[in-house]
Amino acid sequence: MLKRTLDIVLSVSLLIVLLPLMVIIAILIKLDSRGPVCFIQERLGKDGVPFRMYKFRTMQEAAEKVGTGLCSYENDPRITRLGRWLRLVSVDEFPQLLNVIRGQMSIVGPRPPVTYELGNYNDLSSRNRLRFRVKPGITGLAQVSGRNALDWNTKIAFDNNYVALTRQYGIAIDIKILLLTVWVVASMQNVVERANEPMIETSPTSKQTN
């Protein structure tokens, strides 16, 4: 209940403060390139339940269907001019505050993967399903410990550690991660994902995606 209260207070407060900036960003996105203001994508949430996650669009429309698909890289031509700046300062994540208010996400938690990114949820090993015992977050332990410079196996190790830490320390670990997030965002490091990183360990019956 304390974690949910923190989520509601922070997300509502941030939306009120950031609303003028978000309106300006929405206008600039429409002026900069064709396509919708927000990019909406199916992600896996708590217990593997899919939900629609919101982000400001930073790439050309339908970019995940061309080029390297889900993986973006430095100087990726699919990223718009404005999108490069939005990603650099991480403001493209602001619309996820709506996901937090709706109860689909938390401010702090493991980042939610695309529904087909890791293969079938029911085929994941117990290690890889542990991170889904909590709500996904806008920021998390993996994001303040290396962000996109980490491969999937390392991210999962941090996410599973976060689950253990929340049981031990409660929202105290969330507050610490939030403070670290301010530094990580300000430093603008490890914004770009690794290209062609190996997929995570799955159970013997699972099918991996390319």
N, C-alpha and C. Protein backbone atom coordinates (compact mmCIF):
# COMPACT_ATOMS: atom_id res chain seq x y z
N MET A 1 0.83 -1.20 0.00
CA MET A 1 0.00 0.00 0.00
C MET A 1 0.87 1.26 0.00
N LEU A 2 2.00 1.23 0.72
CA LEU A 2 2.90 2.37 0.75
C LEU A 2 3.49 2.63 -0.64
N LYS A 3 3.85 1.55 -1.34
CA LYS A 3 4.42 1.68 -2.68
C LYS A 3 3.39 2.27 -3.64
N ARG A 4 2.17 1.81 -3.56
CA ARG A 4 1.12 2.33 -4.44
C ARG A 4 0.83 3.80 -4.12
N THR A 5 0.84 4.15 -2.85
CA THR A 5 0.63 5.54 -2.46
C THR A 5 1.74 6.43 -3.01
N LEU A 6 2.99 5.95 -2.90
CA LEU A 6 4.12 6.70 -3.45
C LEU A 6 3.97 6.87 -4.96
N ASP A 7 3.54 5.81 -5.64
CA ASP A 7 3.35 5.86 -7.10
C ASP A 7 2.31 6.93 -7.48
N ILE A 8 1.18 6.93 -6.79
CA ILE A 8 0.11 7.86 -7.12
C ILE A 8 0.52 9.30 -6.84
N VAL A 9 1.11 9.53 -5.67
CA VAL A 9 1.51 10.89 -5.31
C VAL A 9 2.55 11.43 -6.29
N LEU A 10 3.57 10.62 -6.60
CA LEU A 10 4.63 11.07 -7.49
C LEU A 10 4.12 11.27 -8.92
N SER A 11 3.37 10.29 -9.44
CA SER A 11 2.93 10.37 -10.83
C SER A 11 1.96 11.52 -11.06
N VAL A 12 1.01 11.73 -10.14
CA VAL A 12 0.06 12.83 -10.29
C VAL A 12 0.79 14.18 -10.17
N SER A 13 1.70 14.28 -9.19
CA SER A 13 2.46 15.52 -9.00
C SER A 13 3.31 15.84 -10.23
N LEU A 14 3.99 14.81 -10.76
CA LEU A 14 4.84 15.02 -11.92
C LEU A 14 4.02 15.40 -13.15
N LEU A 15 2.87 14.77 -13.33
CA LEU A 15 2.02 15.10 -14.48
C LEU A 15 1.56 16.55 -14.42
N ILE A 16 1.20 17.02 -13.24
CA ILE A 16 0.77 18.41 -13.09
C ILE A 16 1.91 19.37 -13.44
N VAL A 17 3.10 19.06 -12.92
CA VAL A 17 4.26 19.94 -13.15
C VAL A 17 4.71 19.88 -14.61
N LEU A 18 4.68 18.67 -15.19
CA LEU A 18 5.25 18.47 -16.52
C LEU A 18 4.26 18.70 -17.66
N LEU A 19 2.98 18.90 -17.34
CA LEU A 19 1.96 19.01 -18.39
C LEU A 19 2.29 20.07 -19.43
N PRO A 20 2.69 21.28 -19.06
CA PRO A 20 3.03 22.27 -20.10
C PRO A 20 4.16 21.81 -21.02
N LEU A 21 5.20 21.19 -20.43
CA LEU A 21 6.30 20.68 -21.24
C LEU A 21 5.84 19.56 -22.16
N MET A 22 4.97 18.69 -21.66
CA MET A 22 4.48 17.57 -22.46
C MET A 22 3.64 18.06 -23.64
N VAL A 23 2.88 19.13 -23.44
CA VAL A 23 2.10 19.72 -24.54
C VAL A 23 3.02 20.27 -25.61
N ILE A 24 4.08 20.94 -25.18
CA ILE A 24 5.06 21.49 -26.14
C ILE A 24 5.74 20.37 -26.91
N ILE A 25 6.12 19.29 -26.20
CA ILE A 25 6.76 18.14 -26.85
C ILE A 25 5.82 17.52 -27.88
N ALA A 26 4.55 17.39 -27.53
CA ALA A 26 3.57 16.81 -28.45
C ALA A 26 3.47 17.63 -29.73
N ILE A 27 3.45 18.94 -29.59
CA ILE A 27 3.38 19.82 -30.77
C ILE A 27 4.63 19.67 -31.62
N LEU A 28 5.80 19.64 -30.98
CA LEU A 28 7.06 19.52 -31.71
C LEU A 28 7.16 18.19 -32.45
N ILE A 29 6.65 17.11 -31.85
CA ILE A 29 6.67 15.80 -32.51
C ILE A 29 5.85 15.84 -33.79
N LYS A 30 4.68 16.47 -33.74
CA LYS A 30 3.83 16.58 -34.92
C LYS A 30 4.48 17.43 -36.01
N LEU A 31 5.22 18.45 -35.60
CA LEU A 31 5.89 19.31 -36.57
C LEU A 31 7.14 18.67 -37.15
N ASP A 32 7.75 17.78 -36.40
CA ASP A 32 9.04 17.20 -36.79
C ASP A 32 8.90 16.04 -37.77
N SER A 33 7.86 15.22 -37.64
CA SER A 33 7.74 14.04 -38.50
C SER A 33 6.30 13.55 -38.55
N ARG A 34 6.01 12.75 -39.55
CA ARG A 34 4.68 12.17 -39.70
C ARG A 34 4.47 11.08 -38.66
N GLY A 35 3.22 10.93 -38.23
CA GLY A 35 2.89 9.87 -37.30
C GLY A 35 2.27 10.39 -36.02
N PRO A 36 1.84 9.49 -35.14
CA PRO A 36 1.18 9.89 -33.90
C PRO A 36 2.17 10.50 -32.91
N VAL A 37 1.65 11.21 -31.93
CA VAL A 37 2.49 11.80 -30.89
C VAL A 37 3.06 10.71 -29.99
N CYS A 38 2.21 9.77 -29.61
CA CYS A 38 2.64 8.71 -28.70
C CYS A 38 2.85 7.39 -29.44
N PHE A 39 3.83 6.65 -28.98
CA PHE A 39 4.09 5.30 -29.46
C PHE A 39 3.52 4.36 -28.41
N ILE A 40 2.56 3.53 -28.82
CA ILE A 40 1.90 2.61 -27.91
C ILE A 40 2.30 1.18 -28.28
N GLN A 41 2.77 0.44 -27.30
CA GLN A 41 3.32 -0.89 -27.56
C GLN A 41 2.88 -1.88 -26.49
N GLU A 42 2.57 -3.09 -26.90
CA GLU A 42 2.20 -4.15 -25.96
C GLU A 42 3.44 -4.61 -25.19
N ARG A 43 3.37 -4.55 -23.88
CA ARG A 43 4.47 -4.99 -23.02
C ARG A 43 3.95 -6.02 -22.02
N LEU A 44 4.88 -6.78 -21.43
CA LEU A 44 4.52 -7.75 -20.41
C LEU A 44 4.62 -7.10 -19.04
N GLY A 45 3.53 -7.17 -18.27
CA GLY A 45 3.50 -6.59 -16.94
C GLY A 45 3.61 -7.64 -15.86
N LYS A 46 3.11 -7.31 -14.69
CA LYS A 46 3.16 -8.22 -13.54
C LYS A 46 2.49 -9.55 -13.89
N ASP A 47 3.15 -10.63 -13.50
CA ASP A 47 2.67 -11.99 -13.76
C ASP A 47 2.52 -12.30 -15.25
N GLY A 48 3.23 -11.54 -16.08
CA GLY A 48 3.21 -11.79 -17.51
C GLY A 48 1.96 -11.32 -18.22
N VAL A 49 1.16 -10.48 -17.57
CA VAL A 49 -0.08 -9.98 -18.18
C VAL A 49 0.26 -8.81 -19.12
N PRO A 50 -0.15 -8.88 -20.38
CA PRO A 50 0.17 -7.81 -21.34
C PRO A 50 -0.59 -6.52 -21.02
N PHE A 51 0.00 -5.39 -21.34
CA PHE A 51 -0.66 -4.10 -21.22
C PHE A 51 -0.07 -3.17 -22.28
N ARG A 52 -0.76 -2.08 -22.54
CA ARG A 52 -0.33 -1.12 -23.56
C ARG A 52 0.46 0.00 -22.88
N MET A 53 1.76 0.09 -23.20
CA MET A 53 2.63 1.08 -22.59
C MET A 53 2.78 2.28 -23.52
N TYR A 54 2.80 3.49 -22.92
CA TYR A 54 2.87 4.73 -23.69
C TYR A 54 4.27 5.34 -23.63
N LYS A 55 4.70 5.88 -24.75
CA LYS A 55 5.94 6.66 -24.82
C LYS A 55 5.72 7.76 -25.86
N PHE A 56 6.47 8.85 -25.74
CA PHE A 56 6.49 9.80 -26.84
C PHE A 56 7.22 9.14 -28.01
N ARG A 57 6.68 9.30 -29.22
CA ARG A 57 7.30 8.68 -30.39
C ARG A 57 8.63 9.35 -30.70
N THR A 58 9.69 8.55 -30.81
CA THR A 58 11.03 9.07 -31.11
C THR A 58 11.57 8.53 -32.42
N MET A 59 10.83 7.65 -33.07
CA MET A 59 11.28 7.05 -34.32
C MET A 59 10.24 7.26 -35.41
N GLN A 60 10.62 6.95 -36.62
CA GLN A 60 9.67 7.00 -37.72
C GLN A 60 8.52 6.05 -37.46
N GLU A 61 7.38 6.33 -38.00
CA GLU A 61 6.21 5.49 -37.80
C GLU A 61 6.49 4.06 -38.28
N ALA A 62 6.06 3.07 -37.48
CA ALA A 62 6.26 1.64 -37.79
C ALA A 62 7.73 1.27 -37.92
N ALA A 63 8.60 1.93 -37.17
CA ALA A 63 10.05 1.70 -37.27
C ALA A 63 10.45 0.29 -36.86
N GLU A 64 9.70 -0.32 -35.94
CA GLU A 64 10.07 -1.65 -35.46
C GLU A 64 9.88 -2.74 -36.52
N LYS A 65 9.23 -2.39 -37.63
CA LYS A 65 9.00 -3.35 -38.70
C LYS A 65 10.06 -3.26 -39.79
N VAL A 66 11.02 -2.35 -39.63
CA VAL A 66 12.08 -2.21 -40.62
C VAL A 66 13.44 -2.18 -39.93
N GLY A 67 14.49 -2.35 -40.72
CA GLY A 67 15.84 -2.28 -40.19
C GLY A 67 16.13 -3.32 -39.13
N THR A 68 16.65 -2.90 -37.99
CA THR A 68 17.02 -3.83 -36.91
C THR A 68 15.87 -4.09 -35.96
N GLY A 69 14.66 -3.73 -36.34
CA GLY A 69 13.50 -4.07 -35.53
C GLY A 69 13.49 -3.39 -34.17
N LEU A 70 13.38 -4.19 -33.10
CA LEU A 70 13.30 -3.65 -31.75
C LEU A 70 14.58 -2.98 -31.30
N CYS A 71 15.71 -3.39 -31.88
CA CYS A 71 17.00 -2.86 -31.43
C CYS A 71 17.33 -1.56 -32.16
N SER A 72 17.60 -0.52 -31.38
CA SER A 72 18.07 0.74 -31.96
C SER A 72 19.53 0.92 -31.58
N TYR A 73 20.22 1.74 -32.33
CA TYR A 73 21.65 1.89 -32.11
C TYR A 73 22.05 3.34 -32.38
N GLU A 74 23.29 3.66 -32.07
CA GLU A 74 23.76 5.03 -32.27
C GLU A 74 23.66 5.42 -33.75
N ASN A 75 23.13 6.61 -34.00
CA ASN A 75 22.94 7.12 -35.36
C ASN A 75 21.96 6.29 -36.17
N ASP A 76 21.05 5.60 -35.51
CA ASP A 76 19.99 4.84 -36.19
C ASP A 76 19.18 5.82 -37.04
N PRO A 77 19.10 5.61 -38.37
CA PRO A 77 18.39 6.56 -39.23
C PRO A 77 16.90 6.61 -38.99
N ARG A 78 16.35 5.62 -38.28
CA ARG A 78 14.92 5.60 -38.01
C ARG A 78 14.54 6.58 -36.90
N ILE A 79 15.50 7.02 -36.09
CA ILE A 79 15.23 7.97 -35.01
C ILE A 79 15.07 9.36 -35.60
N THR A 80 14.04 10.05 -35.20
CA THR A 80 13.79 11.40 -35.72
C THR A 80 14.76 12.40 -35.09
N ARG A 81 14.82 13.58 -35.69
CA ARG A 81 15.71 14.63 -35.15
C ARG A 81 15.33 14.98 -33.72
N LEU A 82 14.05 15.19 -33.49
CA LEU A 82 13.59 15.50 -32.13
C LEU A 82 13.74 14.29 -31.22
N GLY A 83 13.52 13.10 -31.81
CA GLY A 83 13.60 11.86 -31.03
C GLY A 83 14.96 11.64 -30.39
N ARG A 84 16.02 12.05 -31.05
CA ARG A 84 17.36 11.89 -30.49
C ARG A 84 17.50 12.69 -29.19
N TRP A 85 16.94 13.89 -29.19
CA TRP A 85 17.01 14.72 -28.00
C TRP A 85 16.11 14.16 -26.90
N LEU A 86 14.91 13.73 -27.28
CA LEU A 86 13.98 13.17 -26.29
C LEU A 86 14.58 11.96 -25.59
N ARG A 87 15.26 11.11 -26.36
CA ARG A 87 15.90 9.93 -25.77
C ARG A 87 17.09 10.31 -24.90
N LEU A 88 17.85 11.29 -25.35
CA LEU A 88 19.05 11.68 -24.63
C LEU A 88 18.74 12.15 -23.22
N VAL A 89 17.64 12.88 -23.06
CA VAL A 89 17.26 13.39 -21.74
C VAL A 89 16.13 12.58 -21.10
N SER A 90 15.75 11.46 -21.76
CA SER A 90 14.80 10.48 -21.22
C SER A 90 13.38 11.02 -21.03
N VAL A 91 13.03 12.11 -21.68
CA VAL A 91 11.68 12.64 -21.51
C VAL A 91 10.65 11.86 -22.34
N ASP A 92 11.12 10.98 -23.22
CA ASP A 92 10.18 10.16 -23.99
C ASP A 92 9.39 9.21 -23.10
N GLU A 93 9.86 9.00 -21.86
CA GLU A 93 9.20 8.08 -20.93
C GLU A 93 8.07 8.76 -20.15
N PHE A 94 7.92 10.07 -20.23
CA PHE A 94 6.93 10.79 -19.42
C PHE A 94 5.51 10.22 -19.52
N PRO A 95 5.02 9.84 -20.72
CA PRO A 95 3.64 9.34 -20.80
C PRO A 95 3.39 8.08 -19.96
N GLN A 96 4.44 7.39 -19.54
CA GLN A 96 4.25 6.20 -18.72
C GLN A 96 3.72 6.53 -17.33
N LEU A 97 3.73 7.80 -16.96
CA LEU A 97 3.10 8.21 -15.71
C LEU A 97 1.61 7.85 -15.74
N LEU A 98 1.01 7.86 -16.94
CA LEU A 98 -0.39 7.45 -17.09
C LEU A 98 -0.54 5.96 -16.81
N ASN A 99 0.45 5.16 -17.23
CA ASN A 99 0.42 3.73 -16.92
C ASN A 99 0.51 3.49 -15.42
N VAL A 100 1.28 4.33 -14.74
CA VAL A 100 1.41 4.20 -13.28
C VAL A 100 0.08 4.52 -12.61
N ILE A 101 -0.57 5.59 -13.02
CA ILE A 101 -1.86 5.97 -12.44
C ILE A 101 -2.89 4.87 -12.67
N ARG A 102 -2.83 4.23 -13.82
CA ARG A 102 -3.79 3.16 -14.15
C ARG A 102 -3.47 1.86 -13.42
N GLY A 103 -2.33 1.80 -12.72
CA GLY A 103 -1.98 0.61 -11.96
C GLY A 103 -1.27 -0.46 -12.75
N GLN A 104 -0.90 -0.15 -14.00
CA GLN A 104 -0.22 -1.13 -14.85
C GLN A 104 1.29 -1.15 -14.60
N MET A 105 1.82 -0.02 -14.11
CA MET A 105 3.24 0.10 -13.85
C MET A 105 3.45 0.77 -12.50
N SER A 106 4.69 0.75 -12.04
CA SER A 106 5.10 1.47 -10.85
C SER A 106 6.16 2.48 -11.28
N ILE A 107 6.46 3.45 -10.44
CA ILE A 107 7.56 4.37 -10.75
C ILE A 107 8.86 3.60 -10.81
N VAL A 108 9.05 2.67 -9.86
CA VAL A 108 10.28 1.86 -9.79
C VAL A 108 9.94 0.39 -9.95
N GLY A 109 10.69 -0.30 -10.80
CA GLY A 109 10.49 -1.73 -11.02
C GLY A 109 11.25 -2.17 -12.25
N PRO A 110 11.26 -3.44 -12.57
CA PRO A 110 11.93 -3.92 -13.79
C PRO A 110 11.27 -3.33 -15.03
N ARG A 111 12.06 -3.00 -16.04
CA ARG A 111 11.50 -2.48 -17.28
C ARG A 111 10.71 -3.59 -17.98
N PRO A 112 9.50 -3.26 -18.48
CA PRO A 112 8.67 -4.28 -19.12
C PRO A 112 9.14 -4.60 -20.54
N PRO A 113 9.37 -5.86 -20.86
CA PRO A 113 9.78 -6.21 -22.23
C PRO A 113 8.60 -6.22 -23.18
N VAL A 114 8.89 -6.11 -24.47
CA VAL A 114 7.87 -6.28 -25.50
C VAL A 114 7.34 -7.71 -25.39
N THR A 115 6.07 -7.90 -25.66
CA THR A 115 5.43 -9.20 -25.43
C THR A 115 6.13 -10.37 -26.13
N TYR A 116 6.69 -10.11 -27.32
CA TYR A 116 7.32 -11.21 -28.07
C TYR A 116 8.85 -11.17 -27.98
N GLU A 117 9.39 -10.29 -27.14
CA GLU A 117 10.84 -10.10 -27.10
C GLU A 117 11.59 -11.27 -26.47
N LEU A 118 11.01 -11.89 -25.47
CA LEU A 118 11.68 -12.95 -24.72
C LEU A 118 11.17 -14.34 -25.05
N GLY A 119 10.23 -14.44 -25.98
CA GLY A 119 9.61 -15.72 -26.26
C GLY A 119 8.33 -15.86 -25.46
N ASN A 120 7.78 -17.07 -25.41
CA ASN A 120 6.53 -17.32 -24.69
C ASN A 120 6.75 -17.21 -23.19
N TYR A 121 5.94 -16.40 -22.51
CA TYR A 121 6.10 -16.21 -21.07
C TYR A 121 6.01 -17.53 -20.31
N ASN A 122 5.09 -18.39 -20.70
CA ASN A 122 4.90 -19.66 -20.00
C ASN A 122 6.08 -20.60 -20.15
N ASP A 123 6.95 -20.34 -21.14
CA ASP A 123 8.11 -21.18 -21.36
C ASP A 123 9.37 -20.65 -20.68
N LEU A 124 9.30 -19.49 -20.07
CA LEU A 124 10.47 -18.93 -19.40
C LEU A 124 10.85 -19.75 -18.18
N SER A 125 12.14 -19.79 -17.89
CA SER A 125 12.61 -20.50 -16.69
C SER A 125 12.16 -19.75 -15.45
N SER A 126 12.20 -20.41 -14.30
CA SER A 126 11.77 -19.78 -13.05
C SER A 126 12.62 -18.55 -12.74
N ARG A 127 13.89 -18.58 -13.11
CA ARG A 127 14.78 -17.44 -12.89
C ARG A 127 14.30 -16.22 -13.68
N ASN A 128 13.90 -16.45 -14.92
CA ASN A 128 13.52 -15.36 -15.79
C ASN A 128 12.10 -14.85 -15.52
N ARG A 129 11.30 -15.66 -14.80
CA ARG A 129 9.94 -15.23 -14.47
C ARG A 129 9.89 -14.50 -13.13
N LEU A 130 10.96 -14.59 -12.33
CA LEU A 130 10.96 -13.97 -11.01
C LEU A 130 10.72 -12.47 -11.07
N ARG A 131 11.32 -11.80 -12.05
CA ARG A 131 11.20 -10.34 -12.18
C ARG A 131 9.76 -9.90 -12.45
N PHE A 132 8.90 -10.82 -12.89
CA PHE A 132 7.51 -10.49 -13.18
C PHE A 132 6.61 -10.60 -11.95
N ARG A 133 7.19 -10.85 -10.79
CA ARG A 133 6.39 -10.92 -9.57
C ARG A 133 6.03 -9.54 -9.05
N VAL A 134 6.67 -8.52 -9.58
CA VAL A 134 6.36 -7.14 -9.20
C VAL A 134 5.95 -6.37 -10.44
N LYS A 135 5.32 -5.23 -10.24
CA LYS A 135 4.93 -4.40 -11.38
C LYS A 135 6.17 -3.85 -12.08
N PRO A 136 6.13 -3.72 -13.39
CA PRO A 136 7.25 -3.09 -14.11
C PRO A 136 7.32 -1.62 -13.76
N GLY A 137 8.50 -1.01 -14.00
CA GLY A 137 8.68 0.38 -13.60
C GLY A 137 9.20 1.27 -14.72
N ILE A 138 9.09 2.58 -14.50
CA ILE A 138 9.67 3.55 -15.42
C ILE A 138 11.18 3.55 -15.26
N THR A 139 11.65 3.40 -14.03
CA THR A 139 13.07 3.25 -13.75
C THR A 139 13.24 2.03 -12.84
N GLY A 140 14.47 1.56 -12.70
CA GLY A 140 14.70 0.38 -11.88
C GLY A 140 16.16 0.20 -11.53
N LEU A 141 16.44 -0.86 -10.81
CA LEU A 141 17.81 -1.13 -10.37
C LEU A 141 18.74 -1.31 -11.56
N ALA A 142 18.28 -2.01 -12.60
CA ALA A 142 19.12 -2.21 -13.79
C ALA A 142 19.39 -0.89 -14.49
N GLN A 143 18.41 0.02 -14.47
CA GLN A 143 18.58 1.30 -15.17
C GLN A 143 19.59 2.21 -14.47
N VAL A 144 19.75 2.07 -13.17
CA VAL A 144 20.73 2.90 -12.47
C VAL A 144 22.06 2.16 -12.29
N SER A 145 22.14 0.95 -12.86
CA SER A 145 23.35 0.13 -12.72
C SER A 145 24.03 -0.15 -14.05
N GLY A 146 23.66 0.60 -15.09
CA GLY A 146 24.26 0.39 -16.40
C GLY A 146 23.32 0.64 -17.55
N ARG A 147 22.01 0.59 -17.26
CA ARG A 147 21.01 0.94 -18.26
C ARG A 147 21.15 0.08 -19.51
N ASN A 148 21.19 0.68 -20.68
CA ASN A 148 21.22 -0.07 -21.94
C ASN A 148 22.59 -0.64 -22.29
N ALA A 149 23.59 -0.37 -21.46
CA ALA A 149 24.90 -0.99 -21.68
C ALA A 149 24.90 -2.44 -21.20
N LEU A 150 23.85 -2.85 -20.46
CA LEU A 150 23.76 -4.21 -19.92
C LEU A 150 23.09 -5.15 -20.93
N ASP A 151 23.53 -6.40 -20.96
CA ASP A 151 22.81 -7.38 -21.77
C ASP A 151 21.63 -7.92 -20.96
N TRP A 152 20.79 -8.73 -21.61
CA TRP A 152 19.56 -9.17 -20.96
C TRP A 152 19.83 -9.99 -19.70
N ASN A 153 20.80 -10.88 -19.73
CA ASN A 153 21.08 -11.71 -18.56
C ASN A 153 21.47 -10.87 -17.35
N THR A 154 22.27 -9.82 -17.59
CA THR A 154 22.67 -8.94 -16.50
C THR A 154 21.49 -8.13 -15.99
N LYS A 155 20.66 -7.64 -16.92
CA LYS A 155 19.47 -6.90 -16.51
C LYS A 155 18.56 -7.76 -15.64
N ILE A 156 18.39 -9.01 -16.02
CA ILE A 156 17.53 -9.90 -15.25
C ILE A 156 18.10 -10.16 -13.87
N ALA A 157 19.42 -10.27 -13.77
CA ALA A 157 20.06 -10.46 -12.46
C ALA A 157 19.77 -9.26 -11.56
N PHE A 158 19.88 -8.05 -12.09
CA PHE A 158 19.56 -6.85 -11.30
C PHE A 158 18.08 -6.81 -10.95
N ASP A 159 17.21 -7.17 -11.91
CA ASP A 159 15.77 -7.14 -11.65
C ASP A 159 15.38 -8.13 -10.55
N ASN A 160 15.96 -9.33 -10.59
CA ASN A 160 15.67 -10.33 -9.56
C ASN A 160 16.20 -9.88 -8.21
N ASN A 161 17.33 -9.20 -8.22
CA ASN A 161 17.88 -8.66 -6.98
C ASN A 161 16.95 -7.59 -6.41
N TYR A 162 16.35 -6.80 -7.31
CA TYR A 162 15.40 -5.78 -6.87
C TYR A 162 14.21 -6.41 -6.16
N VAL A 163 13.69 -7.52 -6.71
CA VAL A 163 12.57 -8.20 -6.07
C VAL A 163 12.94 -8.62 -4.65
N ALA A 164 14.15 -9.13 -4.48
CA ALA A 164 14.61 -9.54 -3.15
C ALA A 164 14.76 -8.33 -2.23
N LEU A 165 15.28 -7.23 -2.76
CA LEU A 165 15.51 -6.04 -1.94
C LEU A 165 14.20 -5.41 -1.49
N THR A 166 13.17 -5.46 -2.33
CA THR A 166 11.88 -4.88 -1.94
C THR A 166 11.27 -5.66 -0.78
N ARG A 167 11.50 -6.96 -0.76
CA ARG A 167 11.00 -7.77 0.35
C ARG A 167 11.73 -7.42 1.64
N GLN A 168 13.00 -7.04 1.51
CA GLN A 168 13.81 -6.77 2.69
C GLN A 168 13.67 -5.33 3.18
N TYR A 169 13.63 -4.37 2.24
CA TYR A 169 13.66 -2.96 2.61
C TYR A 169 12.40 -2.17 2.26
N GLY A 170 11.48 -2.77 1.52
CA GLY A 170 10.26 -2.06 1.15
C GLY A 170 10.53 -0.88 0.24
N ILE A 171 9.79 0.23 0.45
CA ILE A 171 9.93 1.37 -0.46
C ILE A 171 11.23 2.14 -0.25
N ALA A 172 12.00 1.78 0.78
CA ALA A 172 13.29 2.46 0.98
C ALA A 172 14.20 2.25 -0.22
N ILE A 173 14.15 1.05 -0.81
CA ILE A 173 14.99 0.78 -1.98
C ILE A 173 14.48 1.58 -3.18
N ASP A 174 13.16 1.80 -3.27
CA ASP A 174 12.59 2.62 -4.35
C ASP A 174 13.09 4.05 -4.26
N ILE A 175 13.09 4.59 -3.05
CA ILE A 175 13.55 5.97 -2.86
C ILE A 175 15.01 6.11 -3.25
N LYS A 176 15.84 5.13 -2.88
CA LYS A 176 17.25 5.15 -3.25
C LYS A 176 17.42 5.11 -4.77
N ILE A 177 16.65 4.24 -5.44
CA ILE A 177 16.74 4.13 -6.90
C ILE A 177 16.28 5.43 -7.57
N LEU A 178 15.26 6.07 -7.02
CA LEU A 178 14.78 7.34 -7.58
C LEU A 178 15.86 8.41 -7.51
N LEU A 179 16.57 8.47 -6.39
CA LEU A 179 17.65 9.45 -6.25
C LEU A 179 18.79 9.15 -7.23
N LEU A 180 19.11 7.87 -7.40
CA LEU A 180 20.15 7.49 -8.35
C LEU A 180 19.71 7.77 -9.79
N THR A 181 18.41 7.66 -10.05
CA THR A 181 17.88 7.91 -11.40
C THR A 181 18.13 9.35 -11.83
N VAL A 182 18.00 10.28 -10.90
CA VAL A 182 18.24 11.69 -11.21
C VAL A 182 19.66 11.87 -11.74
N TRP A 183 20.63 11.20 -11.11
CA TRP A 183 22.02 11.30 -11.55
C TRP A 183 22.22 10.63 -12.91
N VAL A 184 21.63 9.45 -13.09
CA VAL A 184 21.80 8.71 -14.34
C VAL A 184 21.23 9.50 -15.52
N VAL A 185 20.04 10.07 -15.34
CA VAL A 185 19.41 10.85 -16.41
C VAL A 185 20.23 12.11 -16.70
N ALA A 186 20.71 12.75 -15.64
CA ALA A 186 21.50 13.97 -15.82
C ALA A 186 22.82 13.70 -16.54
N SER A 187 23.40 12.52 -16.32
CA SER A 187 24.67 12.18 -16.96
C SER A 187 24.50 11.76 -18.41
N MET A 188 23.25 11.37 -18.79
CA MET A 188 22.92 11.00 -20.17
C MET A 188 23.81 9.89 -20.71
N GLN A 189 24.12 8.90 -19.89
CA GLN A 189 24.98 7.79 -20.29
C GLN A 189 24.16 6.55 -20.62
N ASN A 190 24.70 5.71 -21.51
CA ASN A 190 24.12 4.41 -21.84
C ASN A 190 22.66 4.50 -22.30
N VAL A 191 22.38 5.52 -23.13
CA VAL A 191 21.03 5.70 -23.64
C VAL A 191 20.71 4.70 -24.74
N VAL A 192 21.72 4.34 -25.56
CA VAL A 192 21.52 3.47 -26.72
C VAL A 192 21.68 2.01 -26.32
N GLU A 193 20.79 1.17 -26.84
CA GLU A 193 20.85 -0.25 -26.55
C GLU A 193 21.98 -0.93 -27.32
N ARG A 194 22.42 -2.07 -26.79
CA ARG A 194 23.40 -2.86 -27.51
C ARG A 194 22.76 -3.54 -28.70
N ALA A 195 23.45 -3.56 -29.81
CA ALA A 195 22.95 -4.25 -30.99
C ALA A 195 23.30 -5.72 -30.93
N ASN A 196 22.35 -6.57 -31.35
CA ASN A 196 22.58 -8.01 -31.47
C ASN A 196 23.06 -8.64 -30.16
N GLU A 197 22.49 -8.23 -29.03
CA GLU A 197 22.86 -8.86 -27.78
C GLU A 197 22.22 -10.23 -27.68
N PRO A 198 22.84 -11.22 -26.97
CA PRO A 198 22.29 -12.55 -26.89
C PRO A 198 20.99 -12.56 -26.10
N MET A 199 20.09 -13.45 -26.49
CA MET A 199 18.83 -13.56 -25.78
C MET A 199 19.06 -14.24 -24.44
N ILE A 200 18.08 -14.10 -23.55
CA ILE A 200 18.21 -14.62 -22.21
C ILE A 200 18.06 -16.13 -22.18
N GLU A 201 18.46 -16.71 -21.06
CA GLU A 201 18.30 -18.14 -20.83
C GLU A 201 16.83 -18.46 -20.71
N THR A 202 16.38 -19.50 -21.40
CA THR A 202 14.98 -19.91 -21.29
C THR A 202 14.94 -21.38 -20.92
N SER A 203 13.73 -21.88 -20.67
CA SER A 203 13.58 -23.29 -20.34
C SER A 203 13.79 -24.12 -21.60
N PRO A 204 14.08 -25.43 -21.50
CA PRO A 204 14.37 -26.26 -22.67
C PRO A 204 13.27 -26.27 -23.72
N THR A 205 12.01 -26.00 -23.30
CA THR A 205 10.90 -26.10 -24.27
C THR A 205 10.59 -24.77 -24.93
N SER A 206 11.28 -23.73 -24.55
CA SER A 206 10.95 -22.40 -25.08
C SER A 206 11.52 -22.20 -26.47
N LYS A 207 10.91 -21.25 -27.20
CA LYS A 207 11.40 -20.87 -28.51
C LYS A 207 11.92 -19.46 -28.42
N GLN A 208 13.17 -19.24 -28.82
CA GLN A 208 13.77 -17.93 -28.74
C GLN A 208 13.46 -17.14 -30.00
N THR A 209 13.38 -15.81 -29.82
CA THR A 209 13.18 -14.95 -30.98
C THR A 209 14.53 -14.53 -31.51
N ASN A 210 14.55 -14.04 -32.74
CA ASN A 210 15.81 -13.60 -33.34
C ASN A 210 16.08 -12.15 -33.02
